[in-house]
Amino acid sequence: MAGKIDIENDNLIFTLTGVDKVLALKSKLTIPLKRVKSVSTATADWNYFKMLKVAGTKIPKVVVDGRFLSKEGLLFYEMHDPNKCITVELENEKYKKVIFEVPDKETTAKMIQEALDRLH
């Protein structure tokens, strides 16, 4: 199930919906746009052996929701289909990346990039 991403007052708002709120143990993330380093539509990584679950749910090839520790640092996932995810890389934030499934990753990534361009 895809989540929802909005931009409000120079913040990127990630809203989890349905059962994903329970699986991720979180319903919303708010990240200042100034902390967004990049956004990508590349297919997300399912490699479970590179991550340690901190809080959330991980069922191989079905769902990854919540907080996971990797060699990159702390990551936040909301993913059922890695082909429908965007990856938002962050700096000076709790999470190094947010990997988030959305209904239309190209349109969502473009919306975020345009907001970032307006900041600079």
N, C-alpha and C. Protein backbone atom coordinates (compact mmCIF):
# COMPACT_ATOMS: atom_id res chain seq x y z
N MET A 1 0.84 -1.18 0.00
CA MET A 1 0.00 0.00 0.00
C MET A 1 0.88 1.24 0.00
N ALA A 2 0.65 2.12 -0.90
CA ALA A 2 1.46 3.33 -1.04
C ALA A 2 1.07 4.36 0.01
N GLY A 3 2.06 5.14 0.39
CA GLY A 3 1.84 6.24 1.32
C GLY A 3 1.60 7.53 0.55
N LYS A 4 1.63 8.63 1.27
CA LYS A 4 1.36 9.93 0.68
C LYS A 4 2.47 10.89 1.08
N ILE A 5 2.92 11.71 0.14
CA ILE A 5 3.94 12.72 0.42
C ILE A 5 3.38 14.08 0.04
N ASP A 6 3.51 15.03 0.96
CA ASP A 6 3.06 16.40 0.73
C ASP A 6 4.17 17.35 1.12
N ILE A 7 4.06 18.58 0.63
CA ILE A 7 4.97 19.64 1.03
C ILE A 7 4.14 20.73 1.68
N GLU A 8 4.48 21.05 2.93
CA GLU A 8 3.76 22.07 3.68
C GLU A 8 4.78 22.91 4.44
N ASN A 9 4.74 24.23 4.23
CA ASN A 9 5.60 25.16 4.97
C ASN A 9 7.07 24.74 4.95
N ASP A 10 7.59 24.46 3.78
CA ASP A 10 9.00 24.04 3.61
C ASP A 10 9.34 22.76 4.36
N ASN A 11 8.35 21.91 4.57
CA ASN A 11 8.56 20.59 5.17
C ASN A 11 8.05 19.52 4.21
N LEU A 12 8.75 18.42 4.20
CA LEU A 12 8.33 17.25 3.45
C LEU A 12 7.61 16.34 4.43
N ILE A 13 6.35 16.05 4.16
CA ILE A 13 5.51 15.26 5.06
C ILE A 13 5.26 13.89 4.42
N PHE A 14 5.74 12.85 5.08
CA PHE A 14 5.51 11.47 4.65
C PHE A 14 4.40 10.92 5.53
N THR A 15 3.27 10.54 4.94
CA THR A 15 2.14 10.02 5.71
C THR A 15 1.92 8.55 5.34
N LEU A 16 1.97 7.70 6.34
CA LEU A 16 1.70 6.28 6.14
C LEU A 16 0.21 6.05 6.26
N THR A 17 -0.31 5.12 5.48
CA THR A 17 -1.75 4.86 5.47
C THR A 17 -2.03 3.41 5.80
N GLY A 18 -3.27 3.14 6.18
CA GLY A 18 -3.73 1.78 6.42
C GLY A 18 -2.88 1.00 7.41
N VAL A 19 -2.66 -0.25 7.10
CA VAL A 19 -1.93 -1.16 7.99
C VAL A 19 -0.45 -0.76 8.12
N ASP A 20 0.07 0.01 7.16
CA ASP A 20 1.48 0.41 7.23
C ASP A 20 1.78 1.24 8.47
N LYS A 21 0.80 1.99 8.98
CA LYS A 21 1.00 2.76 10.22
C LYS A 21 1.33 1.81 11.37
N VAL A 22 0.67 0.68 11.41
CA VAL A 22 0.90 -0.31 12.46
C VAL A 22 2.22 -1.04 12.24
N LEU A 23 2.46 -1.46 11.00
CA LEU A 23 3.67 -2.21 10.68
C LEU A 23 4.94 -1.39 10.89
N ALA A 24 4.88 -0.10 10.61
CA ALA A 24 6.05 0.77 10.75
C ALA A 24 6.18 1.37 12.14
N LEU A 25 5.13 1.21 12.95
CA LEU A 25 5.11 1.81 14.28
C LEU A 25 5.24 3.33 14.21
N LYS A 26 4.70 3.90 13.13
CA LYS A 26 4.77 5.35 12.92
C LYS A 26 3.71 5.72 11.89
N SER A 27 3.11 6.90 12.03
CA SER A 27 2.10 7.30 11.06
C SER A 27 2.53 8.47 10.18
N LYS A 28 3.56 9.21 10.62
CA LYS A 28 3.95 10.39 9.84
C LYS A 28 5.40 10.75 10.14
N LEU A 29 6.11 11.20 9.12
CA LEU A 29 7.45 11.77 9.26
C LEU A 29 7.41 13.19 8.70
N THR A 30 8.03 14.12 9.40
CA THR A 30 8.14 15.49 8.91
C THR A 30 9.62 15.83 8.82
N ILE A 31 10.07 16.19 7.62
CA ILE A 31 11.47 16.49 7.36
C ILE A 31 11.56 17.89 6.74
N PRO A 32 12.37 18.79 7.30
CA PRO A 32 12.56 20.09 6.65
C PRO A 32 13.18 19.91 5.26
N LEU A 33 12.64 20.61 4.27
CA LEU A 33 13.17 20.50 2.90
C LEU A 33 14.65 20.85 2.84
N LYS A 34 15.10 21.76 3.70
CA LYS A 34 16.51 22.16 3.67
C LYS A 34 17.45 21.01 4.06
N ARG A 35 16.90 19.93 4.63
CA ARG A 35 17.70 18.76 5.00
C ARG A 35 17.69 17.67 3.93
N VAL A 36 16.96 17.90 2.84
CA VAL A 36 16.90 16.93 1.75
C VAL A 36 18.10 17.15 0.83
N LYS A 37 18.89 16.12 0.70
CA LYS A 37 20.09 16.18 -0.14
C LYS A 37 19.77 15.82 -1.59
N SER A 38 18.94 14.79 -1.79
CA SER A 38 18.56 14.38 -3.15
C SER A 38 17.32 13.50 -3.10
N VAL A 39 16.74 13.31 -4.28
CA VAL A 39 15.59 12.40 -4.43
C VAL A 39 15.85 11.55 -5.66
N SER A 40 15.53 10.27 -5.55
CA SER A 40 15.80 9.32 -6.63
C SER A 40 14.58 8.42 -6.86
N THR A 41 14.41 8.02 -8.13
CA THR A 41 13.34 7.08 -8.47
C THR A 41 13.91 5.70 -8.80
N ALA A 42 15.18 5.49 -8.53
CA ALA A 42 15.79 4.18 -8.79
C ALA A 42 15.11 3.11 -7.95
N THR A 43 15.06 1.90 -8.46
CA THR A 43 14.44 0.79 -7.74
C THR A 43 15.11 0.59 -6.39
N ALA A 44 14.31 0.49 -5.35
CA ALA A 44 14.82 0.33 -3.99
C ALA A 44 15.40 -1.07 -3.79
N ASP A 45 16.24 -1.20 -2.78
CA ASP A 45 16.95 -2.45 -2.50
C ASP A 45 16.18 -3.30 -1.48
N TRP A 46 15.94 -4.57 -1.83
CA TRP A 46 15.29 -5.53 -0.92
C TRP A 46 16.30 -6.26 -0.05
N ASN A 47 17.58 -6.00 -0.18
CA ASN A 47 18.60 -6.82 0.46
C ASN A 47 18.50 -6.76 1.99
N TYR A 48 17.87 -7.78 2.55
CA TYR A 48 17.63 -7.83 4.00
C TYR A 48 18.89 -8.12 4.80
N PHE A 49 19.88 -8.69 4.17
CA PHE A 49 21.08 -9.07 4.91
C PHE A 49 21.98 -7.88 5.21
N LYS A 50 21.65 -6.73 4.62
CA LYS A 50 22.43 -5.52 4.86
C LYS A 50 21.77 -4.62 5.90
N MET A 51 20.63 -5.06 6.47
CA MET A 51 19.87 -4.21 7.39
C MET A 51 19.52 -4.95 8.68
N LEU A 52 19.51 -4.20 9.76
CA LEU A 52 19.07 -4.71 11.04
C LEU A 52 17.80 -3.96 11.43
N LYS A 53 16.74 -4.70 11.70
CA LYS A 53 15.47 -4.07 12.07
C LYS A 53 15.61 -3.43 13.44
N VAL A 54 15.26 -2.15 13.53
CA VAL A 54 15.27 -1.43 14.80
C VAL A 54 13.85 -1.39 15.36
N ALA A 55 12.90 -0.98 14.53
CA ALA A 55 11.49 -0.94 14.93
C ALA A 55 10.65 -0.98 13.67
N GLY A 56 9.83 -1.98 13.53
CA GLY A 56 8.99 -2.10 12.35
C GLY A 56 8.77 -3.54 11.96
N THR A 57 8.50 -3.75 10.67
CA THR A 57 8.16 -5.07 10.16
C THR A 57 8.97 -5.35 8.90
N LYS A 58 9.45 -6.59 8.82
CA LYS A 58 10.20 -7.02 7.64
C LYS A 58 9.77 -8.43 7.30
N ILE A 59 9.09 -8.59 6.16
CA ILE A 59 8.69 -9.89 5.65
C ILE A 59 9.28 -9.98 4.24
N PRO A 60 10.27 -10.84 4.02
CA PRO A 60 10.97 -10.89 2.73
C PRO A 60 10.03 -10.95 1.53
N LYS A 61 10.31 -10.03 0.59
CA LYS A 61 9.59 -9.90 -0.68
C LYS A 61 8.12 -9.52 -0.52
N VAL A 62 7.72 -9.10 0.69
CA VAL A 62 6.34 -8.70 0.93
C VAL A 62 6.26 -7.26 1.42
N VAL A 63 6.99 -6.94 2.50
CA VAL A 63 6.91 -5.61 3.09
C VAL A 63 8.16 -5.30 3.91
N VAL A 64 8.55 -4.03 3.86
CA VAL A 64 9.56 -3.48 4.76
C VAL A 64 8.98 -2.15 5.22
N ASP A 65 8.64 -2.06 6.48
CA ASP A 65 8.06 -0.84 7.06
C ASP A 65 8.76 -0.55 8.38
N GLY A 66 9.23 0.69 8.53
CA GLY A 66 9.81 1.10 9.80
C GLY A 66 11.27 1.50 9.71
N ARG A 67 11.95 1.40 10.86
CA ARG A 67 13.33 1.86 11.00
C ARG A 67 14.29 0.68 10.93
N PHE A 68 15.33 0.86 10.10
CA PHE A 68 16.33 -0.19 9.91
C PHE A 68 17.72 0.43 9.91
N LEU A 69 18.66 -0.29 10.50
CA LEU A 69 20.03 0.16 10.56
C LEU A 69 20.82 -0.54 9.47
N SER A 70 21.57 0.23 8.69
CA SER A 70 22.41 -0.31 7.63
C SER A 70 23.80 0.29 7.77
N LYS A 71 24.72 -0.09 6.91
CA LYS A 71 26.06 0.48 6.96
C LYS A 71 26.03 1.98 6.65
N GLU A 72 24.96 2.44 5.99
CA GLU A 72 24.80 3.87 5.70
C GLU A 72 24.32 4.65 6.91
N GLY A 73 23.69 3.98 7.85
CA GLY A 73 23.09 4.63 9.01
C GLY A 73 21.64 4.20 9.15
N LEU A 74 20.86 4.99 9.85
CA LEU A 74 19.45 4.68 10.10
C LEU A 74 18.62 5.04 8.87
N LEU A 75 17.80 4.09 8.40
CA LEU A 75 16.94 4.28 7.25
C LEU A 75 15.49 4.10 7.67
N PHE A 76 14.57 4.79 6.98
CA PHE A 76 13.15 4.58 7.21
C PHE A 76 12.53 4.05 5.92
N TYR A 77 11.82 2.94 6.04
CA TYR A 77 11.17 2.29 4.89
C TYR A 77 9.66 2.29 5.03
N GLU A 78 8.98 2.45 3.90
CA GLU A 78 7.57 2.14 3.72
C GLU A 78 7.51 1.54 2.33
N MET A 79 7.66 0.20 2.23
CA MET A 79 7.83 -0.42 0.92
C MET A 79 7.17 -1.79 0.84
N HIS A 80 6.37 -1.94 -0.21
CA HIS A 80 5.83 -3.24 -0.60
C HIS A 80 6.36 -3.62 -1.97
N ASP A 81 6.49 -2.63 -2.85
CA ASP A 81 6.99 -2.84 -4.21
C ASP A 81 8.16 -1.89 -4.45
N PRO A 82 9.38 -2.42 -4.53
CA PRO A 82 10.56 -1.56 -4.68
C PRO A 82 10.56 -0.74 -5.98
N ASN A 83 9.76 -1.14 -6.96
CA ASN A 83 9.67 -0.40 -8.22
C ASN A 83 8.80 0.84 -8.12
N LYS A 84 8.06 0.98 -7.02
CA LYS A 84 7.17 2.12 -6.84
C LYS A 84 7.67 3.09 -5.78
N CYS A 85 8.93 2.95 -5.36
CA CYS A 85 9.48 3.76 -4.28
C CYS A 85 10.34 4.90 -4.78
N ILE A 86 10.35 5.96 -4.00
CA ILE A 86 11.35 7.00 -4.18
C ILE A 86 12.29 6.90 -2.98
N THR A 87 13.51 7.34 -3.17
CA THR A 87 14.49 7.38 -2.09
C THR A 87 14.88 8.83 -1.88
N VAL A 88 14.66 9.31 -0.67
CA VAL A 88 15.01 10.68 -0.32
C VAL A 88 16.23 10.62 0.59
N GLU A 89 17.35 11.14 0.11
CA GLU A 89 18.58 11.15 0.90
C GLU A 89 18.61 12.44 1.72
N LEU A 90 18.96 12.29 3.00
CA LEU A 90 18.92 13.41 3.93
C LEU A 90 20.30 13.73 4.49
N GLU A 91 20.45 14.94 4.99
CA GLU A 91 21.67 15.32 5.70
C GLU A 91 21.29 16.02 6.99
N ASN A 92 22.08 15.78 8.03
CA ASN A 92 21.84 16.35 9.35
C ASN A 92 20.46 16.01 9.89
N GLU A 93 20.04 14.78 9.67
CA GLU A 93 18.75 14.27 10.14
C GLU A 93 18.95 12.93 10.83
N LYS A 94 17.97 12.51 11.59
CA LYS A 94 18.00 11.21 12.26
C LYS A 94 18.17 10.08 11.25
N TYR A 95 17.43 10.15 10.14
CA TYR A 95 17.50 9.13 9.10
C TYR A 95 18.44 9.59 7.99
N LYS A 96 19.21 8.68 7.45
CA LYS A 96 20.07 8.99 6.31
C LYS A 96 19.27 8.97 5.02
N LYS A 97 18.27 8.08 4.97
CA LYS A 97 17.40 7.97 3.79
C LYS A 97 16.00 7.59 4.22
N VAL A 98 15.04 8.03 3.44
CA VAL A 98 13.65 7.58 3.56
C VAL A 98 13.32 6.93 2.23
N ILE A 99 12.96 5.65 2.28
CA ILE A 99 12.57 4.89 1.10
C ILE A 99 11.06 4.69 1.22
N PHE A 100 10.31 5.29 0.31
CA PHE A 100 8.87 5.42 0.51
C PHE A 100 8.12 5.10 -0.77
N GLU A 101 7.14 4.21 -0.66
CA GLU A 101 6.31 3.83 -1.81
C GLU A 101 5.20 4.85 -2.02
N VAL A 102 5.05 5.27 -3.27
CA VAL A 102 4.01 6.24 -3.64
C VAL A 102 3.29 5.76 -4.90
N PRO A 103 2.08 6.26 -5.15
CA PRO A 103 1.34 5.82 -6.33
C PRO A 103 2.04 6.18 -7.65
N ASP A 104 2.70 7.34 -7.70
CA ASP A 104 3.36 7.79 -8.93
C ASP A 104 4.72 8.37 -8.56
N LYS A 105 5.75 7.56 -8.64
CA LYS A 105 7.07 7.99 -8.15
C LYS A 105 7.67 9.11 -9.00
N GLU A 106 7.43 9.11 -10.29
CA GLU A 106 8.00 10.17 -11.15
C GLU A 106 7.42 11.54 -10.80
N THR A 107 6.10 11.60 -10.67
CA THR A 107 5.43 12.87 -10.33
C THR A 107 5.83 13.34 -8.94
N THR A 108 5.91 12.41 -8.00
CA THR A 108 6.28 12.76 -6.63
C THR A 108 7.71 13.27 -6.56
N ALA A 109 8.63 12.59 -7.23
CA ALA A 109 10.03 13.03 -7.24
C ALA A 109 10.16 14.41 -7.88
N LYS A 110 9.41 14.65 -8.94
CA LYS A 110 9.44 15.96 -9.61
C LYS A 110 8.92 17.04 -8.67
N MET A 111 7.85 16.76 -7.93
CA MET A 111 7.30 17.73 -6.98
C MET A 111 8.34 18.10 -5.92
N ILE A 112 9.03 17.09 -5.40
CA ILE A 112 10.05 17.33 -4.38
C ILE A 112 11.22 18.12 -4.97
N GLN A 113 11.68 17.73 -6.15
CA GLN A 113 12.81 18.43 -6.78
C GLN A 113 12.47 19.89 -7.06
N GLU A 114 11.26 20.16 -7.53
CA GLU A 114 10.84 21.55 -7.77
C GLU A 114 10.82 22.35 -6.49
N ALA A 115 10.37 21.75 -5.40
CA ALA A 115 10.38 22.44 -4.10
C ALA A 115 11.81 22.72 -3.64
N LEU A 116 12.71 21.77 -3.88
CA LEU A 116 14.12 21.97 -3.53
C LEU A 116 14.73 23.09 -4.37
N ASP A 117 14.39 23.12 -5.65
CA ASP A 117 14.91 24.16 -6.53
C ASP A 117 14.44 25.56 -6.09
N ARG A 118 13.22 25.65 -5.59
CA ARG A 118 12.70 26.95 -5.10
C ARG A 118 13.45 27.41 -3.85
N LEU A 119 13.95 26.48 -3.06
CA LEU A 119 14.69 26.84 -1.84
C LEU A 119 16.05 27.46 -2.16
N HIS A 120 16.62 27.08 -3.27
CA HIS A 120 17.99 27.51 -3.60
C HIS A 120 18.02 28.64 -4.59
